[in-house]
N, C-alpha and C. Protein backbone atom coordinates (compact mmCIF):
# COMPACT_ATOMS: atom_id res chain seq x y z
N UNK A 1 0.73 -9.17 -8.63
CA UNK A 1 0.47 -8.15 -7.79
C UNK A 1 -1.11 -8.23 -7.61
N UNK A 2 -1.83 -8.64 -8.39
CA UNK A 2 -3.38 -8.66 -8.24
C UNK A 2 -3.70 -10.19 -8.09
N UNK A 3 -4.43 -10.54 -7.23
CA UNK A 3 -5.07 -11.98 -7.08
C UNK A 3 -6.39 -11.96 -6.99
N UNK A 4 -7.07 -13.20 -7.29
CA UNK A 4 -8.49 -13.25 -7.27
C UNK A 4 -8.84 -14.23 -6.02
N UNK A 5 -9.57 -13.73 -5.12
CA UNK A 5 -10.02 -14.46 -3.75
C UNK A 5 -11.58 -14.75 -3.90
N UNK A 6 -11.82 -16.05 -3.60
CA UNK A 6 -13.19 -16.51 -3.56
C UNK A 6 -13.75 -16.24 -2.08
N UNK A 7 -14.74 -15.47 -1.75
CA UNK A 7 -15.21 -15.17 -0.52
C UNK A 7 -16.71 -15.47 -0.33
N UNK A 8 -16.89 -15.94 1.03
CA UNK A 8 -18.37 -16.01 1.32
C UNK A 8 -18.62 -15.19 2.36
N UNK A 9 -19.80 -14.40 2.27
CA UNK A 9 -20.26 -13.47 3.28
C UNK A 9 -21.74 -13.35 3.29
N UNK A 10 -22.28 -12.84 4.48
CA UNK A 10 -23.67 -12.61 4.51
C UNK A 10 -24.10 -11.15 4.28
N UNK A 11 -24.96 -10.86 3.26
CA UNK A 11 -25.19 -9.58 2.99
C UNK A 11 -26.48 -9.10 3.40
N UNK A 12 -26.53 -8.06 4.10
CA UNK A 12 -27.77 -7.44 4.55
C UNK A 12 -28.45 -6.47 3.47
N UNK A 13 -29.52 -6.78 3.08
CA UNK A 13 -30.22 -6.00 1.77
C UNK A 13 -31.21 -5.08 2.38
N UNK A 14 -31.02 -3.82 2.43
CA UNK A 14 -32.27 -2.93 3.04
C UNK A 14 -33.18 -2.87 2.01
N UNK A 15 -34.56 -2.57 2.56
CA UNK A 15 -35.52 -2.61 1.56
C UNK A 15 -35.53 -1.54 0.55
N UNK A 16 -34.85 -0.26 0.86
CA UNK A 16 -34.82 0.75 -0.04
C UNK A 16 -33.96 0.41 -1.37
N UNK A 17 -33.24 -0.62 -1.07
CA UNK A 17 -32.33 -1.11 -2.47
C UNK A 17 -33.04 -2.05 -3.34
N UNK A 18 -34.22 -2.40 -3.06
CA UNK A 18 -34.95 -3.39 -4.02
C UNK A 18 -35.62 -2.87 -5.14
N UNK A 19 -34.72 -1.99 -5.96
CA UNK A 19 -35.13 -1.38 -7.16
C UNK A 19 -34.50 -2.01 -8.40
N UNK A 20 -33.47 -2.83 -8.16
CA UNK A 20 -32.84 -3.59 -9.33
C UNK A 20 -32.98 -5.04 -9.08
N UNK A 21 -32.30 -5.69 -9.95
CA UNK A 21 -32.14 -7.06 -9.81
C UNK A 21 -31.37 -7.56 -8.49
N UNK A 22 -31.74 -8.59 -8.03
CA UNK A 22 -31.09 -9.02 -6.67
C UNK A 22 -29.55 -9.04 -6.72
N UNK A 23 -29.20 -9.67 -7.87
CA UNK A 23 -27.68 -9.81 -7.90
C UNK A 23 -27.01 -8.35 -8.08
N UNK A 24 -27.76 -7.45 -8.73
CA UNK A 24 -27.08 -6.14 -8.86
C UNK A 24 -27.05 -5.52 -7.56
N UNK A 25 -28.11 -5.70 -6.84
CA UNK A 25 -28.17 -4.94 -5.50
C UNK A 25 -26.98 -5.51 -4.49
N UNK A 26 -26.80 -7.00 -4.60
CA UNK A 26 -25.85 -7.55 -3.60
C UNK A 26 -24.45 -7.06 -4.26
N UNK A 27 -24.29 -6.90 -5.45
CA UNK A 27 -23.08 -6.46 -6.08
C UNK A 27 -22.58 -5.16 -5.46
N UNK A 28 -23.59 -4.25 -5.55
CA UNK A 28 -23.46 -2.83 -5.09
C UNK A 28 -23.09 -2.90 -3.57
N UNK A 29 -23.80 -3.54 -2.83
CA UNK A 29 -23.49 -3.48 -1.36
C UNK A 29 -22.22 -4.27 -0.94
N UNK A 30 -21.75 -5.09 -1.80
CA UNK A 30 -20.37 -5.79 -1.68
C UNK A 30 -19.25 -4.85 -2.03
N UNK A 31 -19.58 -3.96 -3.03
CA UNK A 31 -18.52 -2.93 -3.51
C UNK A 31 -18.42 -1.90 -2.38
N UNK A 32 -19.60 -1.54 -1.68
CA UNK A 32 -19.37 -0.64 -0.81
C UNK A 32 -18.68 -1.02 0.47
N UNK A 33 -18.96 -2.42 0.75
CA UNK A 33 -18.30 -3.01 1.86
C UNK A 33 -16.79 -3.32 2.05
N UNK A 34 -16.48 -3.64 0.58
CA UNK A 34 -15.15 -4.25 0.48
C UNK A 34 -14.18 -3.44 -0.20
N UNK A 35 -14.57 -2.60 -1.14
CA UNK A 35 -13.60 -1.92 -2.02
C UNK A 35 -12.79 -0.89 -1.14
N UNK A 36 -11.53 -0.96 -1.40
CA UNK A 36 -10.43 0.03 -0.70
C UNK A 36 -10.22 -0.40 0.78
N UNK A 37 -10.71 -1.58 1.18
CA UNK A 37 -10.48 -2.08 2.45
C UNK A 37 -9.79 -3.24 2.48
N UNK A 38 -9.07 -3.71 3.59
CA UNK A 38 -8.16 -4.76 3.65
C UNK A 38 -8.82 -6.04 4.03
N UNK A 39 -8.60 -7.17 3.26
CA UNK A 39 -9.13 -8.33 3.65
C UNK A 39 -7.93 -9.02 4.42
N UNK A 40 -8.23 -9.34 5.60
CA UNK A 40 -7.18 -10.02 6.36
C UNK A 40 -6.43 -11.21 5.70
N UNK A 41 -5.31 -11.27 5.52
CA UNK A 41 -4.35 -12.25 5.02
C UNK A 41 -4.58 -12.36 3.53
N UNK A 42 -5.26 -11.33 3.09
CA UNK A 42 -5.52 -11.41 1.56
C UNK A 42 -4.90 -10.28 0.86
N UNK A 43 -5.23 -8.92 1.13
CA UNK A 43 -4.72 -7.91 0.60
C UNK A 43 -5.85 -6.76 0.45
N UNK A 44 -5.52 -5.69 -0.07
CA UNK A 44 -6.48 -4.53 -0.37
C UNK A 44 -7.32 -4.90 -1.57
N UNK A 45 -8.73 -4.80 -1.18
CA UNK A 45 -9.64 -5.30 -2.31
C UNK A 45 -9.85 -3.86 -3.19
N UNK A 46 -9.74 -4.26 -4.51
CA UNK A 46 -9.94 -3.21 -5.49
C UNK A 46 -11.27 -3.13 -6.18
N UNK A 47 -11.83 -4.31 -6.49
CA UNK A 47 -13.30 -4.40 -6.94
C UNK A 47 -13.68 -5.83 -6.77
N UNK A 48 -15.16 -5.93 -6.94
CA UNK A 48 -15.69 -7.23 -6.87
C UNK A 48 -15.88 -7.74 -8.35
N UNK A 49 -15.28 -8.85 -8.73
CA UNK A 49 -15.28 -9.11 -10.17
C UNK A 49 -16.55 -9.74 -10.70
N UNK A 50 -17.16 -10.74 -9.72
CA UNK A 50 -18.39 -11.37 -10.08
C UNK A 50 -18.94 -12.17 -8.89
N UNK A 51 -20.19 -12.33 -8.93
CA UNK A 51 -21.00 -12.97 -7.82
C UNK A 51 -21.04 -14.50 -8.29
N UNK A 52 -20.62 -15.50 -7.54
CA UNK A 52 -20.60 -16.99 -8.03
C UNK A 52 -22.08 -17.58 -7.55
N UNK A 53 -22.41 -17.24 -6.38
CA UNK A 53 -23.76 -17.85 -5.99
C UNK A 53 -24.47 -16.96 -5.05
N UNK A 54 -25.83 -17.06 -4.95
CA UNK A 54 -26.56 -16.26 -3.93
C UNK A 54 -27.62 -17.32 -3.26
N UNK A 55 -27.65 -17.28 -2.07
CA UNK A 55 -28.67 -18.18 -1.25
C UNK A 55 -30.05 -17.60 -1.31
N UNK A 56 -30.85 -18.34 -0.85
CA UNK A 56 -32.37 -17.67 -0.70
C UNK A 56 -32.36 -16.63 0.35
N UNK A 57 -33.13 -15.63 0.24
CA UNK A 57 -33.29 -14.68 1.01
C UNK A 57 -33.97 -14.98 2.42
N UNK A 58 -33.26 -14.63 3.47
CA UNK A 58 -33.88 -14.99 4.81
C UNK A 58 -34.39 -13.69 5.51
N UNK A 59 -35.39 -13.86 6.26
CA UNK A 59 -35.94 -12.76 7.18
C UNK A 59 -35.68 -12.99 8.58
N UNK A 60 -35.44 -11.87 9.43
CA UNK A 60 -35.23 -11.94 10.82
C UNK A 60 -36.28 -11.23 11.41
N UNK A 61 -36.98 -11.71 12.48
CA UNK A 61 -37.93 -11.06 13.17
C UNK A 61 -37.66 -9.81 13.58
N UNK A 62 -38.54 -8.72 13.31
CA UNK A 62 -38.50 -7.26 13.80
C UNK A 62 -37.25 -6.66 12.85
N UNK A 63 -36.85 -7.20 11.88
CA UNK A 63 -35.91 -6.58 10.82
C UNK A 63 -36.53 -6.58 9.45
N UNK A 64 -36.70 -5.38 9.02
CA UNK A 64 -37.30 -5.31 7.61
C UNK A 64 -36.17 -5.74 6.49
N UNK A 65 -35.05 -5.79 6.95
CA UNK A 65 -34.10 -6.20 5.77
C UNK A 65 -34.08 -7.66 5.61
N UNK A 66 -33.57 -8.18 4.43
CA UNK A 66 -33.42 -9.50 4.18
C UNK A 66 -31.74 -9.75 4.14
N UNK A 67 -31.57 -11.08 4.38
CA UNK A 67 -30.19 -11.51 4.43
C UNK A 67 -29.92 -12.63 3.54
N UNK A 68 -28.76 -12.52 2.79
CA UNK A 68 -28.44 -13.47 1.82
C UNK A 68 -27.08 -13.90 1.84
N UNK A 69 -26.81 -15.12 1.66
CA UNK A 69 -25.31 -15.52 1.73
C UNK A 69 -24.73 -15.45 0.38
N UNK A 70 -23.76 -14.78 0.15
CA UNK A 70 -23.19 -14.57 -1.24
C UNK A 70 -21.74 -15.14 -1.39
N UNK A 71 -21.56 -15.79 -2.28
CA UNK A 71 -20.13 -16.28 -2.58
C UNK A 71 -19.55 -15.50 -3.91
N UNK A 72 -18.50 -14.64 -3.87
CA UNK A 72 -18.08 -13.96 -4.89
C UNK A 72 -16.79 -13.88 -5.05
N UNK A 73 -16.24 -13.33 -6.03
CA UNK A 73 -14.79 -13.17 -6.46
C UNK A 73 -14.29 -11.82 -6.42
N UNK A 74 -13.30 -11.44 -5.46
CA UNK A 74 -12.77 -10.15 -5.13
C UNK A 74 -11.32 -10.10 -5.76
N UNK A 75 -11.01 -8.99 -6.37
CA UNK A 75 -9.73 -8.71 -6.96
C UNK A 75 -8.88 -7.91 -5.90
N UNK A 76 -7.80 -8.47 -5.49
CA UNK A 76 -7.15 -7.64 -4.34
C UNK A 76 -5.68 -7.48 -4.63
N UNK A 77 -5.19 -6.43 -4.11
CA UNK A 77 -3.82 -6.00 -4.32
C UNK A 77 -2.85 -6.83 -3.29
N UNK A 78 -2.20 -7.67 -3.72
CA UNK A 78 -1.13 -8.46 -2.71
C UNK A 78 0.11 -8.84 -3.58
N UNK A 79 0.97 -8.01 -3.65
CA UNK A 79 2.26 -8.18 -4.36
C UNK A 79 3.05 -9.56 -3.88
N UNK A 80 3.60 -10.24 -4.80
CA UNK A 80 4.54 -11.31 -4.33
C UNK A 80 5.98 -10.97 -4.12
N UNK A 81 6.59 -11.75 -3.27
CA UNK A 81 7.91 -11.43 -2.97
C UNK A 81 8.84 -11.44 -4.27
N UNK A 82 9.72 -10.52 -4.44
CA UNK A 82 10.50 -10.45 -5.60
C UNK A 82 9.90 -9.61 -6.80
N UNK A 83 8.59 -9.20 -6.63
CA UNK A 83 7.86 -8.47 -7.89
C UNK A 83 8.53 -7.10 -7.77
N UNK A 84 8.74 -6.53 -9.00
CA UNK A 84 9.19 -5.11 -9.12
C UNK A 84 7.86 -4.31 -9.41
N UNK A 85 7.75 -3.36 -8.62
CA UNK A 85 6.61 -2.23 -8.70
C UNK A 85 7.16 -1.02 -8.84
N UNK A 86 6.26 0.06 -9.10
CA UNK A 86 6.42 1.34 -9.26
C UNK A 86 5.33 2.07 -8.49
N UNK A 87 5.86 3.02 -7.63
CA UNK A 87 4.90 3.88 -6.69
C UNK A 87 5.47 5.23 -6.49
N UNK A 88 4.58 6.02 -6.08
CA UNK A 88 5.13 7.49 -5.94
C UNK A 88 5.58 7.82 -4.56
N UNK A 89 6.58 8.58 -4.48
CA UNK A 89 7.50 8.94 -3.29
C UNK A 89 6.53 10.02 -2.52
N UNK A 90 5.97 9.67 -1.32
CA UNK A 90 5.09 10.64 -0.62
C UNK A 90 5.55 10.95 0.70
N UNK A 91 6.89 10.51 1.24
CA UNK A 91 7.43 10.85 2.44
C UNK A 91 8.78 10.14 2.41
N UNK A 92 9.64 10.71 3.29
CA UNK A 92 10.82 10.18 3.73
C UNK A 92 11.43 10.71 5.23
N UNK A 93 12.06 9.70 5.75
CA UNK A 93 12.49 9.99 6.99
C UNK A 93 13.85 9.42 7.29
N UNK A 94 14.57 10.10 8.19
CA UNK A 94 15.97 9.71 8.33
C UNK A 94 16.12 8.32 8.93
N UNK A 95 15.22 7.93 9.82
CA UNK A 95 15.25 6.66 10.51
C UNK A 95 14.51 5.34 9.79
N UNK A 96 13.42 5.95 9.18
CA UNK A 96 12.50 4.94 8.51
C UNK A 96 12.59 4.75 7.08
N UNK A 97 13.34 5.59 6.40
CA UNK A 97 13.44 5.43 5.08
C UNK A 97 12.42 6.18 4.09
N UNK A 98 11.95 5.69 3.10
CA UNK A 98 10.98 6.07 2.10
C UNK A 98 9.55 5.49 2.31
N UNK A 99 8.68 6.51 2.13
CA UNK A 99 7.18 5.93 2.26
C UNK A 99 6.72 6.20 0.73
N UNK A 100 6.04 5.14 0.36
CA UNK A 100 5.46 5.15 -1.16
C UNK A 100 4.08 4.87 -1.11
N UNK A 101 3.42 5.39 -2.33
CA UNK A 101 1.86 5.03 -2.41
C UNK A 101 1.60 4.76 -3.90
N UNK A 102 0.72 3.88 -4.16
CA UNK A 102 0.24 3.42 -5.35
C UNK A 102 -0.99 4.30 -5.64
N UNK A 103 -1.61 4.89 -4.65
CA UNK A 103 -2.81 5.36 -5.00
C UNK A 103 -4.00 4.71 -4.18
N UNK A 104 -3.73 3.34 -4.11
CA UNK A 104 -4.76 2.51 -3.50
C UNK A 104 -4.08 1.75 -2.23
N UNK A 105 -2.81 1.94 -2.25
CA UNK A 105 -1.94 1.38 -1.15
C UNK A 105 -1.02 2.42 -0.73
N UNK A 106 -1.20 2.92 0.72
CA UNK A 106 -0.45 3.89 1.26
C UNK A 106 0.70 3.38 2.12
N UNK A 107 0.75 2.17 2.28
CA UNK A 107 1.60 1.74 3.42
C UNK A 107 2.87 0.79 2.78
N UNK A 108 3.64 1.49 1.85
CA UNK A 108 4.79 0.83 1.22
C UNK A 108 6.09 1.51 1.67
N UNK A 109 6.91 0.73 2.27
CA UNK A 109 8.16 1.47 2.78
C UNK A 109 9.33 0.84 2.38
N UNK A 110 10.45 1.68 2.18
CA UNK A 110 11.70 1.22 1.81
C UNK A 110 12.69 1.69 3.03
N UNK A 111 13.12 0.79 3.72
CA UNK A 111 13.99 1.16 5.02
C UNK A 111 15.32 1.75 4.52
N UNK A 112 16.06 2.49 5.18
CA UNK A 112 17.28 3.06 4.66
C UNK A 112 18.35 2.05 4.44
N UNK A 113 18.24 0.89 4.90
CA UNK A 113 19.30 -0.17 4.65
C UNK A 113 19.10 -0.80 3.24
N UNK A 114 17.82 -0.37 2.56
CA UNK A 114 17.53 -1.08 1.39
C UNK A 114 17.72 0.04 0.20
N UNK A 115 18.14 1.21 0.50
CA UNK A 115 18.40 2.17 -0.41
C UNK A 115 19.68 1.92 -1.28
N UNK A 116 20.00 2.49 -2.53
CA UNK A 116 21.00 2.31 -3.15
C UNK A 116 22.34 2.63 -2.52
N UNK A 117 23.45 1.93 -2.65
CA UNK A 117 24.75 2.31 -2.01
C UNK A 117 25.12 3.68 -2.21
N UNK A 118 25.63 4.50 -1.30
CA UNK A 118 26.20 5.73 -1.38
C UNK A 118 25.07 6.84 -0.96
N UNK A 119 23.85 6.38 -0.64
CA UNK A 119 22.75 7.29 -0.32
C UNK A 119 22.92 7.58 1.26
N UNK A 120 22.69 8.80 1.71
CA UNK A 120 22.72 9.25 3.17
C UNK A 120 21.72 10.14 3.37
N UNK A 121 21.31 10.29 4.61
CA UNK A 121 20.18 11.43 4.93
C UNK A 121 20.88 12.79 4.99
N UNK A 122 20.31 13.70 4.29
CA UNK A 122 20.99 15.12 4.45
C UNK A 122 19.88 16.07 5.10
N UNK A 123 20.18 16.24 6.31
CA UNK A 123 19.15 17.06 7.34
C UNK A 123 18.73 18.25 6.66
N UNK A 124 19.74 19.14 6.18
CA UNK A 124 19.24 20.31 5.51
C UNK A 124 18.36 20.34 4.51
N UNK A 125 18.52 19.38 3.66
CA UNK A 125 17.63 19.20 2.46
C UNK A 125 16.34 18.43 2.87
N UNK A 126 16.37 17.67 3.89
CA UNK A 126 15.10 16.83 4.28
C UNK A 126 14.94 15.71 3.33
N UNK A 127 16.14 14.99 2.77
CA UNK A 127 16.01 13.83 1.97
C UNK A 127 17.20 12.99 1.87
N UNK A 128 17.13 12.07 1.23
CA UNK A 128 18.36 10.99 0.88
C UNK A 128 18.99 11.35 -0.36
N UNK A 129 20.39 11.63 -0.15
CA UNK A 129 21.16 12.06 -1.32
C UNK A 129 22.34 11.11 -1.57
N UNK A 130 22.87 11.24 -2.65
CA UNK A 130 24.21 10.56 -3.09
C UNK A 130 24.97 11.46 -3.88
N UNK A 131 26.13 11.72 -3.35
CA UNK A 131 27.10 12.77 -3.91
C UNK A 131 27.89 12.02 -5.07
N UNK A 132 27.78 12.77 -6.38
CA UNK A 132 28.41 12.09 -7.55
C UNK A 132 29.59 13.12 -7.97
N UNK A 133 30.36 12.85 -8.84
CA UNK A 133 31.52 13.62 -9.20
C UNK A 133 30.90 14.93 -9.95
N UNK A 134 29.74 14.69 -10.56
CA UNK A 134 29.43 15.86 -11.44
C UNK A 134 28.00 16.25 -10.81
N UNK A 135 27.65 16.01 -9.65
CA UNK A 135 26.35 16.38 -9.25
C UNK A 135 25.71 15.59 -8.03
N UNK A 136 24.50 15.69 -7.72
CA UNK A 136 23.80 15.01 -6.51
C UNK A 136 22.57 14.27 -6.92
N UNK A 137 22.48 13.14 -6.71
CA UNK A 137 21.23 12.45 -6.84
C UNK A 137 20.35 12.52 -5.45
N UNK A 138 19.19 12.84 -5.61
CA UNK A 138 18.35 12.81 -4.47
C UNK A 138 16.91 12.29 -4.64
N UNK A 139 16.35 11.83 -3.88
CA UNK A 139 15.03 11.38 -3.82
C UNK A 139 14.00 12.61 -3.65
N UNK A 140 13.18 12.89 -4.67
CA UNK A 140 12.28 14.13 -4.70
C UNK A 140 10.92 13.66 -4.35
N UNK A 141 10.18 14.33 -3.40
CA UNK A 141 8.69 13.97 -3.12
C UNK A 141 7.92 14.14 -4.48
N UNK A 142 7.25 13.05 -4.70
CA UNK A 142 6.19 13.04 -6.03
C UNK A 142 6.86 12.29 -7.04
N UNK A 143 8.26 11.73 -6.90
CA UNK A 143 8.79 11.13 -8.24
C UNK A 143 8.29 9.75 -8.01
N UNK A 144 8.53 9.10 -9.09
CA UNK A 144 8.27 7.61 -9.35
C UNK A 144 9.43 6.80 -9.00
N UNK A 145 9.06 5.89 -8.00
CA UNK A 145 10.20 4.91 -7.68
C UNK A 145 9.80 3.62 -7.88
N UNK A 146 10.92 2.95 -8.68
CA UNK A 146 10.79 1.44 -8.98
C UNK A 146 11.45 0.69 -7.90
N UNK A 147 10.68 -0.24 -7.22
CA UNK A 147 11.40 -1.01 -6.22
C UNK A 147 11.14 -2.48 -6.39
N UNK A 148 11.88 -3.35 -5.61
CA UNK A 148 11.46 -4.93 -5.56
C UNK A 148 10.91 -5.04 -4.20
N UNK A 149 9.80 -5.85 -4.20
CA UNK A 149 9.16 -6.33 -3.00
C UNK A 149 10.02 -7.37 -2.24
N UNK A 150 10.24 -7.17 -1.01
CA UNK A 150 11.00 -8.04 -0.33
C UNK A 150 10.31 -8.69 0.83
N UNK A 151 9.17 -8.09 1.12
CA UNK A 151 8.27 -8.61 2.26
C UNK A 151 6.92 -8.09 2.09
N UNK A 152 5.95 -8.92 2.57
CA UNK A 152 4.37 -8.35 2.80
C UNK A 152 4.09 -8.91 4.13
N UNK A 153 3.73 -7.80 5.00
CA UNK A 153 3.36 -8.04 6.32
C UNK A 153 1.75 -7.82 6.59
N UNK A 154 1.21 -8.72 7.23
CA UNK A 154 -0.21 -8.79 7.63
C UNK A 154 -0.02 -8.59 9.25
N UNK A 155 -0.74 -7.70 9.80
CA UNK A 155 -0.58 -7.62 11.36
C UNK A 155 -2.04 -7.50 11.74
N UNK A 156 -2.54 -8.65 12.49
CA UNK A 156 -3.68 -8.77 13.07
C UNK A 156 -3.51 -7.68 14.30
N UNK A 157 -2.52 -7.56 14.90
CA UNK A 157 -2.29 -6.45 15.91
C UNK A 157 -0.99 -5.81 15.66
N UNK A 158 0.18 -6.48 16.09
CA UNK A 158 1.52 -6.06 15.76
C UNK A 158 2.33 -7.34 15.69
N UNK A 159 2.75 -7.60 14.59
CA UNK A 159 3.67 -8.75 14.33
C UNK A 159 5.11 -8.38 14.52
N UNK A 160 5.79 -9.41 14.80
CA UNK A 160 7.32 -9.25 15.26
C UNK A 160 7.84 -8.52 14.27
N UNK A 161 7.69 -9.02 12.87
CA UNK A 161 8.42 -8.33 11.83
C UNK A 161 8.14 -6.91 11.64
N UNK A 162 6.79 -6.71 11.74
CA UNK A 162 6.66 -5.08 11.71
C UNK A 162 7.12 -4.24 12.64
N UNK A 163 7.09 -4.83 13.89
CA UNK A 163 7.68 -4.21 15.06
C UNK A 163 9.27 -3.93 14.81
N UNK A 164 9.93 -4.87 14.10
CA UNK A 164 11.42 -4.66 13.92
C UNK A 164 11.50 -3.45 13.04
N UNK A 165 10.60 -3.27 12.04
CA UNK A 165 10.84 -1.98 11.16
C UNK A 165 10.22 -0.84 11.74
N UNK A 166 9.03 -0.76 12.47
CA UNK A 166 8.49 0.44 13.07
C UNK A 166 8.70 0.65 14.35
N UNK A 167 9.72 -0.01 15.02
CA UNK A 167 9.75 0.26 16.51
C UNK A 167 10.54 1.63 16.77
N UNK A 168 10.10 2.25 17.82
CA UNK A 168 10.88 3.61 18.08
C UNK A 168 12.24 3.29 18.73
N UNK A 169 13.22 3.91 18.15
CA UNK A 169 14.47 3.71 18.55
C UNK A 169 15.10 5.07 19.32
N UNK A 170 15.61 4.98 20.38
CA UNK A 170 16.20 6.01 21.23
C UNK A 170 15.23 7.15 21.37
N UNK A 171 14.11 6.78 21.60
CA UNK A 171 12.94 7.79 21.72
C UNK A 171 12.45 8.61 20.59
N UNK A 172 13.00 8.08 19.32
CA UNK A 172 12.58 8.93 17.87
C UNK A 172 11.60 8.05 17.46
N UNK A 173 10.39 8.72 17.24
CA UNK A 173 9.17 8.07 16.52
C UNK A 173 9.59 8.06 15.05
N UNK A 174 9.60 6.75 14.66
CA UNK A 174 10.15 6.42 13.15
C UNK A 174 9.10 6.75 12.18
N UNK A 175 7.78 6.83 12.57
CA UNK A 175 6.68 7.00 11.68
C UNK A 175 5.95 8.27 11.93
N UNK A 176 6.24 8.93 12.93
CA UNK A 176 5.39 10.14 13.16
C UNK A 176 5.43 11.25 12.11
N UNK A 177 6.60 11.32 11.25
CA UNK A 177 6.86 12.29 10.29
C UNK A 177 6.00 12.07 9.05
N UNK A 178 5.28 10.91 8.98
CA UNK A 178 4.62 10.44 7.86
C UNK A 178 3.25 10.51 7.98
N UNK A 179 2.51 11.56 7.74
CA UNK A 179 1.02 11.83 7.76
C UNK A 179 0.43 10.83 6.80
N UNK A 180 -0.53 9.92 7.31
CA UNK A 180 -1.32 9.07 6.34
C UNK A 180 -0.46 8.03 5.91
N UNK A 181 0.81 7.82 6.48
CA UNK A 181 1.51 6.72 5.95
C UNK A 181 1.62 5.60 7.11
N UNK A 182 2.75 4.87 7.14
CA UNK A 182 2.76 3.77 7.85
C UNK A 182 2.78 4.10 9.46
N UNK A 183 2.02 3.27 10.22
CA UNK A 183 2.01 3.49 11.62
C UNK A 183 2.16 2.15 12.25
N UNK A 184 2.42 1.99 13.52
CA UNK A 184 2.49 0.74 14.19
C UNK A 184 1.19 -0.02 14.24
N UNK A 185 0.15 0.54 13.87
CA UNK A 185 -1.19 -0.13 13.87
C UNK A 185 -1.51 -0.49 12.52
N UNK A 186 -0.66 -0.26 11.46
CA UNK A 186 -1.17 -0.64 10.09
C UNK A 186 -1.21 -2.18 9.99
N UNK A 187 -2.13 -2.63 9.45
CA UNK A 187 -2.47 -3.98 9.15
C UNK A 187 -1.92 -4.73 8.04
N UNK A 188 -1.35 -3.87 7.10
CA UNK A 188 -0.72 -4.41 5.84
C UNK A 188 0.36 -3.48 5.42
N UNK A 189 1.50 -4.09 5.33
CA UNK A 189 2.73 -3.23 4.99
C UNK A 189 3.45 -3.98 3.95
N UNK A 190 3.86 -3.19 2.95
CA UNK A 190 4.81 -3.79 1.84
C UNK A 190 6.28 -3.16 2.09
N UNK A 191 7.07 -4.09 2.23
CA UNK A 191 8.50 -3.66 2.25
C UNK A 191 9.22 -3.76 1.09
N UNK A 192 9.95 -2.82 0.71
CA UNK A 192 10.68 -2.93 -0.52
C UNK A 192 12.11 -2.51 -0.45
N UNK A 193 12.85 -2.73 -1.61
CA UNK A 193 14.24 -2.45 -1.78
C UNK A 193 14.49 -1.87 -3.20
N UNK A 194 15.47 -0.78 -3.26
CA UNK A 194 15.74 -0.23 -4.61
C UNK A 194 17.28 -0.16 -4.75
N UNK A 195 18.07 -1.23 -4.07
CA UNK A 195 19.49 -1.27 -4.14
C UNK A 195 20.06 -1.90 -5.31
N UNK A 196 19.41 -2.12 -6.24
CA UNK A 196 19.85 -2.73 -7.55
C UNK A 196 19.73 -1.96 -8.74
N UNK A 197 20.57 -2.29 -9.85
CA UNK A 197 20.65 -1.45 -10.87
C UNK A 197 19.26 -1.40 -11.67
N UNK A 198 18.89 -0.23 -12.08
CA UNK A 198 17.50 -0.21 -12.73
C UNK A 198 16.38 0.23 -11.75
N UNK A 199 16.62 0.18 -10.44
CA UNK A 199 15.72 0.58 -9.56
C UNK A 199 16.05 1.91 -8.86
N UNK A 200 14.97 2.48 -8.17
CA UNK A 200 15.03 3.93 -7.60
C UNK A 200 14.19 4.71 -8.58
N UNK A 201 14.54 6.05 -8.44
CA UNK A 201 13.88 7.19 -9.28
C UNK A 201 13.92 6.61 -10.80
N UNK A 202 12.85 6.51 -11.29
CA UNK A 202 12.97 6.03 -12.74
C UNK A 202 13.41 7.06 -13.58
N UNK A 203 13.71 8.35 -13.23
CA UNK A 203 14.37 9.32 -14.23
C UNK A 203 15.82 8.98 -14.29
N UNK A 204 16.31 8.44 -13.33
CA UNK A 204 17.91 8.25 -13.26
C UNK A 204 18.20 7.42 -14.39
N UNK A 205 17.29 6.53 -14.78
CA UNK A 205 17.85 5.63 -15.92
C UNK A 205 17.39 5.95 -17.39
N UNK A 206 16.74 7.47 -17.49
CA UNK A 206 16.29 7.80 -18.78
C UNK A 206 17.14 8.81 -19.25
N UNK A 207 17.82 9.66 -18.34
CA UNK A 207 18.69 10.65 -18.84
C UNK A 207 20.05 10.77 -17.85
N UNK A 208 21.06 11.41 -18.27
CA UNK A 208 22.30 11.55 -17.51
C UNK A 208 21.98 11.87 -16.11
N UNK A 209 22.75 11.26 -15.15
CA UNK A 209 22.42 11.56 -13.69
C UNK A 209 22.71 12.95 -13.35
N UNK A 210 23.65 13.61 -14.05
CA UNK A 210 24.14 14.80 -13.78
C UNK A 210 22.89 15.96 -14.07
N UNK A 211 21.93 15.62 -14.71
CA UNK A 211 20.77 16.55 -14.85
C UNK A 211 20.05 16.81 -13.50
N UNK A 212 20.36 15.96 -12.47
CA UNK A 212 19.57 16.10 -11.19
C UNK A 212 20.48 16.45 -10.08
N UNK A 213 21.47 17.38 -10.46
CA UNK A 213 22.15 18.01 -9.46
C UNK A 213 21.36 19.08 -8.73
N UNK A 214 21.41 18.86 -7.36
CA UNK A 214 20.36 19.51 -6.59
C UNK A 214 21.02 20.84 -5.96
N UNK A 215 20.50 21.97 -5.95
CA UNK A 215 20.91 23.19 -5.40
C UNK A 215 19.75 23.86 -4.35
N UNK A 216 18.47 23.24 -4.39
CA UNK A 216 17.35 23.69 -3.69
C UNK A 216 16.81 22.77 -2.71
N UNK A 217 16.22 23.18 -1.64
CA UNK A 217 15.55 22.32 -0.56
C UNK A 217 14.24 21.92 -1.21
N UNK A 218 13.95 20.65 -0.93
CA UNK A 218 12.66 19.98 -1.23
C UNK A 218 12.10 19.17 -0.04
N UNK A 219 11.68 19.78 0.93
CA UNK A 219 11.22 19.07 2.21
C UNK A 219 9.73 18.63 1.63
C-alpha cells in the first residue's frame, strides 16, 4: 500500500527561511511542495521520509533565493493489485457504483459490476441493496468498506482504461453526483471489488445480517 520513492528535485530556498539548518529548511519546503499531492506514476505523497543528499547552493542573477538540488525519499500511497484495503463510503451512484475515501485518497471507486451478488440500485433509498429472507442489506454512507484492489490507473490526461469506467452513458453523467470524488480529469484512480466473502461493509461479518434491515432513507 505504501512505497518509498527516491526523487531528485531542485528546491528554491527563499531568504526568509534561512533560520534553521539547511537540511531542515529543504525538508520543510519539500513537505509543502509534495505532501498530499500526486507524484506522476508514483502515487499520493504522504510525507518526506529523509533527505539523501543536497548539492551546493546556487545563485541566479536578480534572484535573492538560492537553489539546491535535493535527492530525497518520499513515502507514497500506491496500492498493489490484489491488496485488500478498508475505506469509508462517501458516495454511491446507480451507474458508477461506490465512491470511497481513505482520508488522503478520495478517488477510489467500486463499479456496480464489482459489488456482491444480489445487490441492485434502489432509487427510492438512493443506495445499493440486497433483499434477504429476514431483512435488507444496504450500503450506508459513512460505513467502512473492505475491498480488493483490482486496478490502479494513472491518467496524464485521459487513459483508455479510465474512460471505460468514467464515460458518460446515454447522456447520464456517471460522476456528477459525487462531489469531490472521481471525475474524468482525475489523475489517480483506484478501482476496487467487494464481491468476495469477507468483503463489503465490515459490519456484515461481525453481527447477524438481520440487524441491518432497512426501513428508512439514507441518501
